[in-house]
């Protein structure tokens, strides 16, 4: 009789949340919204900061910095089209992540 009471007690506790951890809403398949990345200043960004952008690797980041050094600061984001390796698709992907100051 004691075993039956003990089993029922344990079952009751595990289903009522006493022993069972109920996951928070964020862990039940609802992913927390990712933080929006801070915009990168195209005229001040280091090669490492540019490399962190989608579609930009170390070589392309170096070409962007070399272009900036040779031609002066960017006045329009569209000038990235003048950098070898950046096409229309890459530019559109980068546009919301870049600012000019």
Protein backbone atom coordinates (compact mmCIF):
# COMPACT_ATOMS: atom_id res chain seq x y z
CA UNK A 1 0.00 0.00 0.00
CA UNK A 2 2.88 2.38 0.82
CA UNK A 3 4.46 1.68 -2.57
CA UNK A 4 1.25 2.51 -4.39
CA UNK A 5 0.91 5.79 -2.48
CA UNK A 6 4.57 6.62 -3.16
CA UNK A 7 4.21 5.89 -6.88
CA UNK A 8 1.04 7.98 -7.13
CA UNK A 9 2.70 10.80 -5.22
CA UNK A 10 5.70 10.77 -7.56
CA UNK A 11 3.47 10.67 -10.64
CA UNK A 12 1.46 13.57 -9.34
CA UNK A 13 4.56 15.64 -8.65
CA UNK A 14 6.14 14.94 -12.03
CA UNK A 15 3.05 15.99 -13.97
CA UNK A 16 2.27 19.02 -11.83
CA UNK A 17 5.70 20.54 -12.42
CA UNK A 18 7.10 19.71 -9.01
CA UNK A 19 9.86 17.51 -10.36
CA UNK A 20 9.56 18.25 -14.05
CA UNK A 21 11.19 21.35 -15.50
CA UNK A 22 8.82 23.14 -17.86
CA UNK A 23 10.83 24.88 -20.58
CA UNK A 24 10.41 28.60 -21.04
CA UNK A 25 8.59 29.80 -24.17
CA UNK A 26 11.89 30.75 -25.79
CA UNK A 27 13.12 27.14 -25.54
CA UNK A 28 9.90 25.49 -26.74
CA UNK A 29 10.81 26.02 -30.38
CA UNK A 30 10.27 29.75 -30.34
CA UNK A 31 13.72 31.09 -30.99
CA UNK A 32 14.51 34.45 -29.50
CA UNK A 33 14.83 37.13 -32.16
CA UNK A 34 18.47 37.64 -33.09
CA UNK A 35 19.87 41.03 -32.30
CA UNK A 36 20.23 43.18 -35.38
CA UNK A 37 23.89 43.85 -36.14
CA UNK A 38 25.06 47.42 -35.79
CA UNK A 39 25.61 49.09 -39.17
CA UNK A 40 29.22 49.25 -40.31
CA UNK A 41 30.69 52.58 -41.43
CA UNK A 42 32.11 51.83 -44.85
CA UNK A 43 34.61 54.68 -44.54
CA UNK A 44 35.98 53.69 -41.14
CA UNK A 45 35.65 49.89 -41.05
CA UNK A 46 38.71 47.78 -40.57
CA UNK A 47 39.34 44.78 -42.83
CA UNK A 48 38.22 42.54 -39.93
CA UNK A 49 34.92 44.41 -39.59
CA UNK A 50 34.30 44.18 -43.32
CA UNK A 51 35.24 40.49 -43.34
CA UNK A 52 32.47 39.86 -40.80
CA UNK A 53 29.82 41.05 -43.28
CA UNK A 54 27.93 38.41 -45.31
CA UNK A 55 29.54 37.66 -48.64
CA UNK A 56 32.80 39.45 -47.77
CA UNK A 57 35.92 37.43 -47.10
CA UNK A 58 39.39 38.59 -46.14
CA UNK A 59 40.51 39.19 -49.75
CA UNK A 60 37.44 41.24 -50.65
CA UNK A 61 37.69 43.20 -47.39
CA UNK A 62 41.29 44.06 -48.28
CA UNK A 63 40.19 45.20 -51.77
CA UNK A 64 37.52 47.46 -50.24
CA UNK A 65 40.08 49.08 -47.93
CA UNK A 66 42.58 49.42 -50.80
CA UNK A 67 39.90 51.06 -52.97
CA UNK A 68 39.06 53.46 -50.14
CA UNK A 69 42.74 54.30 -49.63
CA UNK A 70 43.27 54.91 -53.34
CA UNK A 71 40.07 56.82 -54.15
CA UNK A 72 39.23 58.48 -50.84
CA UNK A 73 36.12 57.97 -48.73
CA UNK A 74 33.01 56.47 -50.26
CA UNK A 75 30.34 59.08 -50.97
CA UNK A 76 27.69 56.52 -52.01
CA UNK A 77 27.30 52.88 -51.05
CA UNK A 78 26.81 52.15 -54.76
CA UNK A 79 30.53 52.86 -55.25
CA UNK A 80 31.14 49.37 -53.89
CA UNK A 81 30.22 48.19 -57.41
CA UNK A 82 33.60 49.62 -58.47
CA UNK A 83 35.42 47.15 -56.20
CA UNK A 84 36.36 43.96 -58.06
CA UNK A 85 34.30 41.06 -56.71
CA UNK A 86 31.23 43.02 -55.62
CA UNK A 87 28.22 42.68 -57.85
CA UNK A 88 24.61 43.77 -57.64
CA UNK A 89 23.50 40.85 -55.43
CA UNK A 90 26.28 41.33 -52.93
CA UNK A 91 25.65 45.07 -52.84
CA UNK A 92 21.94 44.58 -52.14
CA UNK A 93 22.76 42.12 -49.35
CA UNK A 94 25.20 44.60 -47.80
CA UNK A 95 23.19 47.81 -48.26
CA UNK A 96 21.14 47.53 -45.01
CA UNK A 97 24.30 46.72 -43.04
CA UNK A 98 26.36 49.71 -44.17
CA UNK A 99 26.39 53.42 -43.40
CA UNK A 100 28.56 56.31 -44.56
CA UNK A 101 29.84 58.85 -42.09
